[in-house]
Amino acid sequence: MTRKVEPGLLEGLFELLSRLPWWLGMAAAVVSFVLLHEIATQPHGAEAHMGDIGSTVASEVWRTAAAFGQVILPLLFGAAATISAIRARQRKRNPDQRHEK
């Protein structure tokens, strides 16, 4: 018996973005980089007091996630835009081919 593997979040997002116009994927890459870069480069707060340790940890987690995301998401969006552009070019060359699976 074989199990059908469900796609993950990034795979589903990649598939969705690769079906959008290529320029939309490139715009998403630029916007995601700019927004996440802003979060990742925010200055660290002053020394935290014991009562503020939770908010300090949370802000550091967000900053770290944004630092990784500012690289990963634009690459994902750019790759999806490239696939979209390739598919659009193939459709122009082969107008008989309606939909891909």
C-alpha atoms as a PDB file:
ATOM      1  CA  MET A   1       0.000   0.000   0.000  1.00  0.00           C
ATOM      2  CA  THR A   2       1.348   3.391  -0.893  1.00  0.00           C
ATOM      3  CA  ARG A   3       0.477   6.598   0.907  1.00  0.00           C
ATOM      4  CA  LYS A   4      -0.080   9.831  -0.891  1.00  0.00           C
ATOM      5  CA  VAL A   5       2.209  12.463   0.557  1.00  0.00           C
ATOM      6  CA  GLU A   6       0.571  15.820   1.184  1.00  0.00           C
ATOM      7  CA  PRO A   7       2.576  18.836   0.049  1.00  0.00           C
ATOM      8  CA  GLY A   8       4.051  21.048   2.745  1.00  0.00           C
ATOM      9  CA  LEU A   9       3.408  24.728   3.245  1.00  0.00           C
ATOM     10  CA  LEU A  10       6.409  25.899   1.219  1.00  0.00           C
ATOM     11  CA  GLU A  11       5.674  23.457  -1.588  1.00  0.00           C
ATOM     12  CA  GLY A  12       2.064  24.592  -1.764  1.00  0.00           C
ATOM     13  CA  LEU A  13       3.113  28.232  -1.722  1.00  0.00           C
ATOM     14  CA  PHE A  14       5.651  27.553  -4.467  1.00  0.00           C
ATOM     15  CA  GLU A  15       3.024  25.836  -6.609  1.00  0.00           C
ATOM     16  CA  LEU A  16       0.569  28.691  -6.113  1.00  0.00           C
ATOM     17  CA  LEU A  17       3.152  31.346  -6.954  1.00  0.00           C
ATOM     18  CA  SER A  18       4.373  29.479 -10.017  1.00  0.00           C
ATOM     19  CA  ARG A  19       0.843  29.664 -11.429  1.00  0.00           C
ATOM     20  CA  LEU A  20       0.649  33.453 -11.000  1.00  0.00           C
ATOM     21  CA  PRO A  21       2.112  35.889 -13.543  1.00  0.00           C
ATOM     22  CA  TRP A  22       5.911  36.009 -13.280  1.00  0.00           C
ATOM     23  CA  TRP A  23       5.982  39.715 -12.486  1.00  0.00           C
ATOM     24  CA  LEU A  24       3.769  39.154  -9.449  1.00  0.00           C
ATOM     25  CA  GLY A  25       6.231  36.601  -8.087  1.00  0.00           C
ATOM     26  CA  MET A  26       9.120  39.015  -8.583  1.00  0.00           C
ATOM     27  CA  ALA A  27       7.160  41.788  -6.851  1.00  0.00           C
ATOM     28  CA  ALA A  28       6.503  39.423  -3.936  1.00  0.00           C
ATOM     29  CA  ALA A  29      10.240  38.676  -3.767  1.00  0.00           C
ATOM     30  CA  VAL A  30      11.142  42.359  -3.551  1.00  0.00           C
ATOM     31  CA  VAL A  31       8.391  43.226  -1.062  1.00  0.00           C
ATOM     32  CA  SER A  32       9.195  40.266   1.180  1.00  0.00           C
ATOM     33  CA  PHE A  33      12.881  41.169   1.235  1.00  0.00           C
ATOM     34  CA  VAL A  34      12.246  44.820   2.064  1.00  0.00           C
ATOM     35  CA  LEU A  35       9.717  44.083   4.819  1.00  0.00           C
ATOM     36  CA  LEU A  36      11.690  41.281   6.432  1.00  0.00           C
ATOM     37  CA  HIS A  37      14.940  43.230   6.168  1.00  0.00           C
ATOM     38  CA  GLU A  38      13.299  46.077   8.101  1.00  0.00           C
ATOM     39  CA  ILE A  39      12.332  43.670  10.881  1.00  0.00           C
ATOM     40  CA  ALA A  40      15.681  41.844  10.882  1.00  0.00           C
ATOM     41  CA  THR A  41      17.727  45.028  11.176  1.00  0.00           C
ATOM     42  CA  GLN A  42      15.747  46.693  13.954  1.00  0.00           C
ATOM     43  CA  PRO A  43      18.035  47.794  16.752  1.00  0.00           C
ATOM     44  CA  HIS A  44      18.133  45.592  19.801  1.00  0.00           C
ATOM     45  CA  GLY A  45      16.394  46.975  22.845  1.00  0.00           C
ATOM     46  CA  ALA A  46      18.230  48.229  25.866  1.00  0.00           C
ATOM     47  CA  GLU A  47      19.038  45.743  28.579  1.00  0.00           C
ATOM     48  CA  ALA A  48      15.878  43.935  29.536  1.00  0.00           C
ATOM     49  CA  HIS A  49      14.503  43.951  33.023  1.00  0.00           C
ATOM     50  CA  MET A  50      13.353  40.659  34.494  1.00  0.00           C
ATOM     51  CA  GLY A  51       9.702  41.584  33.913  1.00  0.00           C
ATOM     52  CA  ASP A  52      10.347  42.223  30.201  1.00  0.00           C
ATOM     53  CA  ILE A  53      12.269  39.036  29.464  1.00  0.00           C
ATOM     54  CA  GLY A  54       9.343  37.438  27.612  1.00  0.00           C
ATOM     55  CA  SER A  55       8.900  40.347  25.231  1.00  0.00           C
ATOM     56  CA  THR A  56      12.651  40.527  24.700  1.00  0.00           C
ATOM     57  CA  VAL A  57      12.812  36.844  23.783  1.00  0.00           C
ATOM     58  CA  ALA A  58       9.789  37.202  21.479  1.00  0.00           C
ATOM     59  CA  SER A  59      11.330  40.163  19.659  1.00  0.00           C
ATOM     60  CA  GLU A  60      14.594  38.258  19.213  1.00  0.00           C
ATOM     61  CA  VAL A  61      12.716  35.261  17.811  1.00  0.00           C
ATOM     62  CA  TRP A  62      10.911  37.515  15.304  1.00  0.00           C
ATOM     63  CA  ARG A  63      14.175  39.221  14.367  1.00  0.00           C
ATOM     64  CA  THR A  64      15.895  35.873  13.817  1.00  0.00           C
ATOM     65  CA  ALA A  65      12.984  34.495  11.762  1.00  0.00           C
ATOM     66  CA  ALA A  66      13.012  37.671   9.660  1.00  0.00           C
ATOM     67  CA  ALA A  67      16.774  37.353   9.118  1.00  0.00           C
ATOM     68  CA  PHE A  68      16.311  33.878   7.643  1.00  0.00           C
ATOM     69  CA  GLY A  69      13.094  34.798   5.859  1.00  0.00           C
ATOM     70  CA  GLN A  70      14.662  37.779   4.102  1.00  0.00           C
ATOM     71  CA  VAL A  71      16.821  35.295   2.207  1.00  0.00           C
ATOM     72  CA  ILE A  72      14.576  32.229   1.901  1.00  0.00           C
ATOM     73  CA  LEU A  73      11.302  33.845   0.814  1.00  0.00           C
ATOM     74  CA  PRO A  74      12.725  36.025  -1.983  1.00  0.00           C
ATOM     75  CA  LEU A  75      14.574  32.980  -3.334  1.00  0.00           C
ATOM     76  CA  LEU A  76      11.350  30.963  -3.235  1.00  0.00           C
ATOM     77  CA  PHE A  77       9.361  33.761  -4.882  1.00  0.00           C
ATOM     78  CA  GLY A  78      12.057  34.329  -7.509  1.00  0.00           C
ATOM     79  CA  ALA A  79      12.238  30.628  -8.362  1.00  0.00           C
ATOM     80  CA  ALA A  80       8.452  30.454  -8.668  1.00  0.00           C
ATOM     81  CA  ALA A  81       8.481  33.552 -10.901  1.00  0.00           C
ATOM     82  CA  THR A  82      11.111  31.889 -13.090  1.00  0.00           C
ATOM     83  CA  ILE A  83       8.981  28.751 -13.445  1.00  0.00           C
ATOM     84  CA  SER A  84       5.975  30.944 -14.244  1.00  0.00           C
ATOM     85  CA  ALA A  85       7.918  32.810 -16.943  1.00  0.00           C
ATOM     86  CA  ILE A  86       9.106  29.524 -18.462  1.00  0.00           C
ATOM     87  CA  ARG A  87       5.552  28.170 -18.515  1.00  0.00           C
ATOM     88  CA  ALA A  88       4.239  31.377 -20.091  1.00  0.00           C
ATOM     89  CA  ARG A  89       6.905  31.203 -22.784  1.00  0.00           C
ATOM     90  CA  GLN A  90       6.060  27.572 -23.488  1.00  0.00           C
ATOM     91  CA  ARG A  91       2.375  28.458 -23.767  1.00  0.00           C
ATOM     92  CA  LYS A  92       3.214  31.178 -26.281  1.00  0.00           C
ATOM     93  CA  ARG A  93       5.225  28.708 -28.366  1.00  0.00           C
ATOM     94  CA  ASN A  94       2.557  25.989 -28.069  1.00  0.00           C
ATOM     95  CA  PRO A  95      -0.853  27.664 -28.120  1.00  0.00           C
ATOM     96  CA  ASP A  96      -2.532  24.261 -28.562  1.00  0.00           C
ATOM     97  CA  GLN A  97      -1.418  23.208 -25.092  1.00  0.00           C
ATOM     98  CA  ARG A  98      -4.162  24.534 -22.793  1.00  0.00           C
ATOM     99  CA  HIS A  99      -3.378  23.459 -19.230  1.00  0.00           C
ATOM    100  CA  GLU A 100      -0.586  21.642 -17.525  1.00  0.00           C
ATOM    101  CA  LYS A 101      -1.152  19.212 -14.719  1.00  0.00           C
END
